[in-house]
Amino acid sequence: AQFRKIADEVGALVMADIAHIAGLVAAG
C-alpha cells in the first residue's frame, strides 16, 4: 500500500515481483 501511495503521487505504475513469497501470498 505504501508503494502504491508513492506511485500515485508521481504518476507511476506499481510492479510487484513476489517470486519468493508467492506461496505465502496465495495462502494468506
PDB file of all heavy atoms in Angstrom:
ATOM      1  N   ALA A   1       0.825  -1.214   0.000  1.00  0.00           N
ATOM      2  CA  ALA A   1       0.000   0.000   0.000  1.00  0.00           C
ATOM      3  C   ALA A   1       0.858   1.261   0.000  1.00  0.00           C
ATOM      4  O   ALA A   1       0.515   2.259  -0.651  1.00  0.00           O
ATOM      5  CB  ALA A   1      -0.941  -0.006   1.207  1.00  0.00           C
ATOM      6  N   GLN A   2       1.971   1.223   0.732  1.00  0.00           N
ATOM      7  CA  GLN A   2       2.873   2.375   0.765  1.00  0.00           C
ATOM      8  C   GLN A   2       3.463   2.649  -0.609  1.00  0.00           C
ATOM      9  O   GLN A   2       3.595   3.804  -1.033  1.00  0.00           O
ATOM     10  CB  GLN A   2       4.002   2.119   1.768  1.00  0.00           C
ATOM     11  CG  GLN A   2       3.651   2.494   3.195  1.00  0.00           C
ATOM     12  CD  GLN A   2       3.851   3.981   3.457  1.00  0.00           C
ATOM     13  OE1 GLN A   2       3.038   4.808   3.013  1.00  0.00           O
ATOM     14  NE2 GLN A   2       4.907   4.336   4.153  1.00  0.00           N
ATOM     15  N   PHE A   3       3.844   1.581  -1.310  1.00  0.00           N
ATOM     16  CA  PHE A   3       4.388   1.755  -2.653  1.00  0.00           C
ATOM     17  C   PHE A   3       3.345   2.367  -3.593  1.00  0.00           C
ATOM     18  O   PHE A   3       3.660   3.235  -4.405  1.00  0.00           O
ATOM     19  CB  PHE A   3       4.887   0.420  -3.206  1.00  0.00           C
ATOM     20  CG  PHE A   3       6.244   0.014  -2.682  1.00  0.00           C
ATOM     21  CD1 PHE A   3       6.365  -0.936  -1.682  1.00  0.00           C
ATOM     22  CD2 PHE A   3       7.399   0.593  -3.179  1.00  0.00           C
ATOM     23  CE1 PHE A   3       7.614  -1.313  -1.194  1.00  0.00           C
ATOM     24  CE2 PHE A   3       8.656   0.239  -2.701  1.00  0.00           C
ATOM     25  CZ  PHE A   3       8.760  -0.720  -1.700  1.00  0.00           C
ATOM     26  N   ARG A   4       2.104   1.908  -3.479  1.00  0.00           N
ATOM     27  CA  ARG A   4       1.057   2.449  -4.347  1.00  0.00           C
ATOM     28  C   ARG A   4       0.804   3.925  -4.045  1.00  0.00           C
ATOM     29  O   ARG A   4       0.599   4.733  -4.967  1.00  0.00           O
ATOM     30  CB  ARG A   4      -0.232   1.633  -4.180  1.00  0.00           C
ATOM     31  CG  ARG A   4      -1.404   2.150  -5.018  1.00  0.00           C
ATOM     32  CD  ARG A   4      -1.070   2.173  -6.532  1.00  0.00           C
ATOM     33  NE  ARG A   4      -2.171   2.719  -7.302  1.00  0.00           N
ATOM     34  CZ  ARG A   4      -3.094   1.950  -7.900  1.00  0.00           C
ATOM     35  NH1 ARG A   4      -3.033   0.630  -7.800  1.00  0.00           N
ATOM     36  NH2 ARG A   4      -4.056   2.501  -8.592  1.00  0.00           N
ATOM     37  N   LYS A   5       0.822   4.288  -2.762  1.00  0.00           N
ATOM     38  CA  LYS A   5       0.613   5.692  -2.391  1.00  0.00           C
ATOM     39  C   LYS A   5       1.664   6.584  -3.032  1.00  0.00           C
ATOM     40  O   LYS A   5       1.337   7.638  -3.605  1.00  0.00           O
ATOM     41  CB  LYS A   5       0.652   5.833  -0.871  1.00  0.00           C
ATOM     42  CG  LYS A   5       0.386   7.245  -0.370  1.00  0.00           C
ATOM     43  CD  LYS A   5       0.433   7.300   1.154  1.00  0.00           C
ATOM     44  CE  LYS A   5       0.189   8.725   1.650  1.00  0.00           C
ATOM     45  NZ  LYS A   5       0.260   8.811   3.134  1.00  0.00           N
ATOM     46  N   ILE A   6       2.918   6.159  -2.975  1.00  0.00           N
ATOM     47  CA  ILE A   6       4.007   6.939  -3.577  1.00  0.00           C
ATOM     48  C   ILE A   6       3.876   6.961  -5.094  1.00  0.00           C
ATOM     49  O   ILE A   6       4.082   7.995  -5.739  1.00  0.00           O
ATOM     50  CB  ILE A   6       5.373   6.375  -3.140  1.00  0.00           C
ATOM     51  CG1 ILE A   6       5.565   6.580  -1.633  1.00  0.00           C
ATOM     52  CG2 ILE A   6       6.510   7.028  -3.919  1.00  0.00           C
ATOM     53  CD1 ILE A   6       6.753   5.842  -1.049  1.00  0.00           C
ATOM     54  N   ALA A   7       3.516   5.821  -5.670  1.00  0.00           N
ATOM     55  CA  ALA A   7       3.350   5.743  -7.126  1.00  0.00           C
ATOM     56  C   ALA A   7       2.265   6.707  -7.602  1.00  0.00           C
ATOM     57  O   ALA A   7       2.437   7.396  -8.616  1.00  0.00           O
ATOM     58  CB  ALA A   7       3.012   4.317  -7.544  1.00  0.00           C
ATOM     59  N   ASP A   8       1.166   6.780  -6.874  1.00  0.00           N
ATOM     60  CA  ASP A   8       0.075   7.691  -7.254  1.00  0.00           C
ATOM     61  C   ASP A   8       0.526   9.144  -7.168  1.00  0.00           C
ATOM     62  O   ASP A   8       0.076   9.990  -7.960  1.00  0.00           O
ATOM     63  CB  ASP A   8      -1.136   7.457  -6.352  1.00  0.00           C
ATOM     64  CG  ASP A   8      -1.871   6.152  -6.667  1.00  0.00           C
ATOM     65  OD1 ASP A   8      -1.603   5.558  -7.743  1.00  0.00           O
ATOM     66  OD2 ASP A   8      -2.696   5.728  -5.823  1.00  0.00           O
ATOM     67  N   GLU A   9       1.412   9.438  -6.235  1.00  0.00           N
ATOM     68  CA  GLU A   9       1.904  10.815  -6.080  1.00  0.00           C
ATOM     69  C   GLU A   9       2.703  11.271  -7.295  1.00  0.00           C
ATOM     70  O   GLU A   9       2.723  12.469  -7.612  1.00  0.00           O
ATOM     71  CB  GLU A   9       2.780  10.919  -4.825  1.00  0.00           C
ATOM     72  CG  GLU A   9       2.008  10.764  -3.516  1.00  0.00           C
ATOM     73  CD  GLU A   9       2.944  10.663  -2.308  1.00  0.00           C
ATOM     74  OE1 GLU A   9       4.183  10.818  -2.490  1.00  0.00           O
ATOM     75  OE2 GLU A   9       2.459  10.415  -1.193  1.00  0.00           O
ATOM     76  N   VAL A  10       3.391  10.330  -7.958  1.00  0.00           N
ATOM     77  CA  VAL A  10       4.268  10.710  -9.073  1.00  0.00           C
ATOM     78  C   VAL A  10       3.779  10.172 -10.415  1.00  0.00           C
ATOM     79  O   VAL A  10       4.454  10.316 -11.434  1.00  0.00           O
ATOM     80  CB  VAL A  10       5.718  10.233  -8.822  1.00  0.00           C
ATOM     81  CG1 VAL A  10       6.294  10.888  -7.581  1.00  0.00           C
ATOM     82  CG2 VAL A  10       5.795   8.716  -8.721  1.00  0.00           C
ATOM     83  N   GLY A  11       2.599   9.550 -10.429  1.00  0.00           N
ATOM     84  CA  GLY A  11       2.036   9.052 -11.682  1.00  0.00           C
ATOM     85  C   GLY A  11       2.720   7.809 -12.219  1.00  0.00           C
ATOM     86  O   GLY A  11       2.818   7.626 -13.444  1.00  0.00           O
ATOM     87  N   ALA A  12       3.187   6.946 -11.329  1.00  0.00           N
ATOM     88  CA  ALA A  12       3.887   5.728 -11.747  1.00  0.00           C
ATOM     89  C   ALA A  12       2.994   4.500 -11.590  1.00  0.00           C
ATOM     90  O   ALA A  12       1.970   4.534 -10.901  1.00  0.00           O
ATOM     91  CB  ALA A  12       5.157   5.539 -10.914  1.00  0.00           C
ATOM     92  N   LEU A  13       3.396   3.428 -12.230  1.00  0.00           N
ATOM     93  CA  LEU A  13       2.761   2.131 -12.064  1.00  0.00           C
ATOM     94  C   LEU A  13       3.536   1.329 -11.024  1.00  0.00           C
ATOM     95  O   LEU A  13       4.757   1.486 -10.893  1.00  0.00           O
ATOM     96  CB  LEU A  13       2.739   1.355 -13.385  1.00  0.00           C
ATOM     97  CG  LEU A  13       1.945   1.973 -14.541  1.00  0.00           C
ATOM     98  CD1 LEU A  13       2.170   1.151 -15.814  1.00  0.00           C
ATOM     99  CD2 LEU A  13       0.460   2.060 -14.214  1.00  0.00           C
ATOM    100  N   VAL A  14       2.843   0.475 -10.275  1.00  0.00           N
ATOM    101  CA  VAL A  14       3.497  -0.400  -9.307  1.00  0.00           C
ATOM    102  C   VAL A  14       3.594  -1.804  -9.889  1.00  0.00           C
ATOM    103  O   VAL A  14       2.592  -2.379 -10.319  1.00  0.00           O
ATOM    104  CB  VAL A  14       2.727  -0.455  -7.976  1.00  0.00           C
ATOM    105  CG1 VAL A  14       3.356  -1.496  -7.032  1.00  0.00           C
ATOM    106  CG2 VAL A  14       2.708   0.903  -7.309  1.00  0.00           C
ATOM    107  N   MET A  15       4.804  -2.332  -9.874  1.00  0.00           N
ATOM    108  CA  MET A  15       5.038  -3.721 -10.261  1.00  0.00           C
ATOM    109  C   MET A  15       5.567  -4.454  -9.035  1.00  0.00           C
ATOM    110  O   MET A  15       6.540  -4.020  -8.414  1.00  0.00           O
ATOM    111  CB  MET A  15       6.044  -3.802 -11.407  1.00  0.00           C
ATOM    112  CG  MET A  15       6.467  -5.215 -11.752  1.00  0.00           C
ATOM    113  SD  MET A  15       7.632  -5.217 -13.158  1.00  0.00           S
ATOM    114  CE  MET A  15       8.407  -6.827 -12.946  1.00  0.00           C
ATOM    115  N   ALA A  16       4.923  -5.549  -8.671  1.00  0.00           N
ATOM    116  CA  ALA A  16       5.351  -6.346  -7.521  1.00  0.00           C
ATOM    117  C   ALA A  16       5.861  -7.691  -8.015  1.00  0.00           C
ATOM    118  O   ALA A  16       5.116  -8.452  -8.642  1.00  0.00           O
ATOM    119  CB  ALA A  16       4.202  -6.539  -6.548  1.00  0.00           C
ATOM    120  N   ASP A  17       7.124  -7.964  -7.747  1.00  0.00           N
ATOM    121  CA  ASP A  17       7.714  -9.266  -8.062  1.00  0.00           C
ATOM    122  C   ASP A  17       7.674 -10.090  -6.774  1.00  0.00           C
ATOM    123  O   ASP A  17       8.493  -9.910  -5.881  1.00  0.00           O
ATOM    124  CB  ASP A  17       9.153  -9.081  -8.547  1.00  0.00           C
ATOM    125  CG  ASP A  17       9.843 -10.398  -8.874  1.00  0.00           C
ATOM    126  OD1 ASP A  17       9.288 -11.473  -8.533  1.00  0.00           O
ATOM    127  OD2 ASP A  17      10.948 -10.373  -9.449  1.00  0.00           O
ATOM    128  N   ILE A  18       6.707 -10.999  -6.704  1.00  0.00           N
ATOM    129  CA  ILE A  18       6.515 -11.766  -5.469  1.00  0.00           C
ATOM    130  C   ILE A  18       7.054 -13.193  -5.612  1.00  0.00           C
ATOM    131  O   ILE A  18       6.559 -14.126  -4.963  1.00  0.00           O
ATOM    132  CB  ILE A  18       5.034 -11.787  -5.034  1.00  0.00           C
ATOM    133  CG1 ILE A  18       4.139 -12.451  -6.093  1.00  0.00           C
ATOM    134  CG2 ILE A  18       4.552 -10.366  -4.738  1.00  0.00           C
ATOM    135  CD1 ILE A  18       2.724 -12.747  -5.594  1.00  0.00           C
ATOM    136  N   ALA A  19       8.078 -13.350  -6.450  1.00  0.00           N
ATOM    137  CA  ALA A  19       8.614 -14.687  -6.732  1.00  0.00           C
ATOM    138  C   ALA A  19       8.892 -15.481  -5.461  1.00  0.00           C
ATOM    139  O   ALA A  19       8.589 -16.674  -5.389  1.00  0.00           O
ATOM    140  CB  ALA A  19       9.887 -14.576  -7.571  1.00  0.00           C
ATOM    141  N   HIS A  20       9.461 -14.837  -4.454  1.00  0.00           N
ATOM    142  CA  HIS A  20       9.827 -15.558  -3.240  1.00  0.00           C
ATOM    143  C   HIS A  20       8.643 -15.827  -2.325  1.00  0.00           C
ATOM    144  O   HIS A  20       8.580 -16.864  -1.664  1.00  0.00           O
ATOM    145  CB  HIS A  20      10.923 -14.804  -2.484  1.00  0.00           C
ATOM    146  CG  HIS A  20      12.287 -15.271  -2.838  1.00  0.00           C
ATOM    147  ND1 HIS A  20      12.901 -16.307  -2.188  1.00  0.00           N
ATOM    148  CD2 HIS A  20      13.148 -14.871  -3.810  1.00  0.00           C
ATOM    149  CE1 HIS A  20      14.084 -16.531  -2.732  1.00  0.00           C
ATOM    150  NE2 HIS A  20      14.256 -15.667  -3.715  1.00  0.00           N
ATOM    151  N   ILE A  21       7.714 -14.920  -2.265  1.00  0.00           N
ATOM    152  CA  ILE A  21       6.645 -15.016  -1.266  1.00  0.00           C
ATOM    153  C   ILE A  21       5.312 -15.442  -1.855  1.00  0.00           C
ATOM    154  O   ILE A  21       4.290 -15.432  -1.158  1.00  0.00           O
ATOM    155  CB  ILE A  21       6.474 -13.675  -0.518  1.00  0.00           C
ATOM    156  CG1 ILE A  21       6.195 -12.544  -1.520  1.00  0.00           C
ATOM    157  CG2 ILE A  21       7.701 -13.377   0.335  1.00  0.00           C
ATOM    158  CD1 ILE A  21       5.819 -11.223  -0.861  1.00  0.00           C
ATOM    159  N   ALA A  22       5.269 -15.859  -3.126  1.00  0.00           N
ATOM    160  CA  ALA A  22       4.001 -16.152  -3.797  1.00  0.00           C
ATOM    161  C   ALA A  22       3.175 -17.190  -3.053  1.00  0.00           C
ATOM    162  O   ALA A  22       1.952 -17.060  -2.926  1.00  0.00           O
ATOM    163  CB  ALA A  22       4.259 -16.616  -5.231  1.00  0.00           C
ATOM    164  N   GLY A  23       3.827 -18.242  -2.562  1.00  0.00           N
ATOM    165  CA  GLY A  23       3.099 -19.264  -1.829  1.00  0.00           C
ATOM    166  C   GLY A  23       2.510 -18.722  -0.543  1.00  0.00           C
ATOM    167  O   GLY A  23       1.390 -19.090  -0.144  1.00  0.00           O
ATOM    168  N   LEU A  24       3.231 -17.823   0.115  1.00  0.00           N
ATOM    169  CA  LEU A  24       2.735 -17.210   1.346  1.00  0.00           C
ATOM    170  C   LEU A  24       1.572 -16.267   1.047  1.00  0.00           C
ATOM    171  O   LEU A  24       0.603 -16.199   1.806  1.00  0.00           O
ATOM    172  CB  LEU A  24       3.867 -16.454   2.054  1.00  0.00           C
ATOM    173  CG  LEU A  24       5.149 -17.244   2.334  1.00  0.00           C
ATOM    174  CD1 LEU A  24       6.143 -16.371   3.095  1.00  0.00           C
ATOM    175  CD2 LEU A  24       4.857 -18.532   3.095  1.00  0.00           C
ATOM    176  N   VAL A  25       1.656 -15.551  -0.074  1.00  0.00           N
ATOM    177  CA  VAL A  25       0.563 -14.674  -0.501  1.00  0.00           C
ATOM    178  C   VAL A  25      -0.672 -15.508  -0.836  1.00  0.00           C
ATOM    179  O   VAL A  25      -1.796 -15.202  -0.406  1.00  0.00           O
ATOM    180  CB  VAL A  25       0.988 -13.818  -1.712  1.00  0.00           C
ATOM    181  CG1 VAL A  25      -0.224 -13.108  -2.324  1.00  0.00           C
ATOM    182  CG2 VAL A  25       2.051 -12.799  -1.309  1.00  0.00           C
ATOM    183  N   ALA A  26      -0.475 -16.574  -1.601  1.00  0.00           N
ATOM    184  CA  ALA A  26      -1.597 -17.422  -2.008  1.00  0.00           C
ATOM    185  C   ALA A  26      -2.308 -18.027  -0.805  1.00  0.00           C
ATOM    186  O   ALA A  26      -3.532 -18.211  -0.824  1.00  0.00           O
ATOM    187  CB  ALA A  26      -1.098 -18.533  -2.928  1.00  0.00           C
ATOM    188  N   ALA A  27      -1.560 -18.303   0.239  1.00  0.00           N
ATOM    189  CA  ALA A  27      -2.126 -18.921   1.438  1.00  0.00           C
ATOM    190  C   ALA A  27      -2.652 -17.896   2.445  1.00  0.00           C
ATOM    191  O   ALA A  27      -3.182 -18.267   3.488  1.00  0.00           O
ATOM    192  CB  ALA A  27      -1.076 -19.806   2.107  1.00  0.00           C
ATOM    193  N   GLY A  28      -2.490 -16.608   2.139  1.00  0.00           N
ATOM    194  CA  GLY A  28      -2.953 -15.566   3.044  1.00  0.00           C
ATOM    195  C   GLY A  28      -2.030 -15.321   4.221  1.00  0.00           C
ATOM    196  O   GLY A  28      -2.414 -14.663   5.198  1.00  0.00           O
TER     197      GLY A  28
END
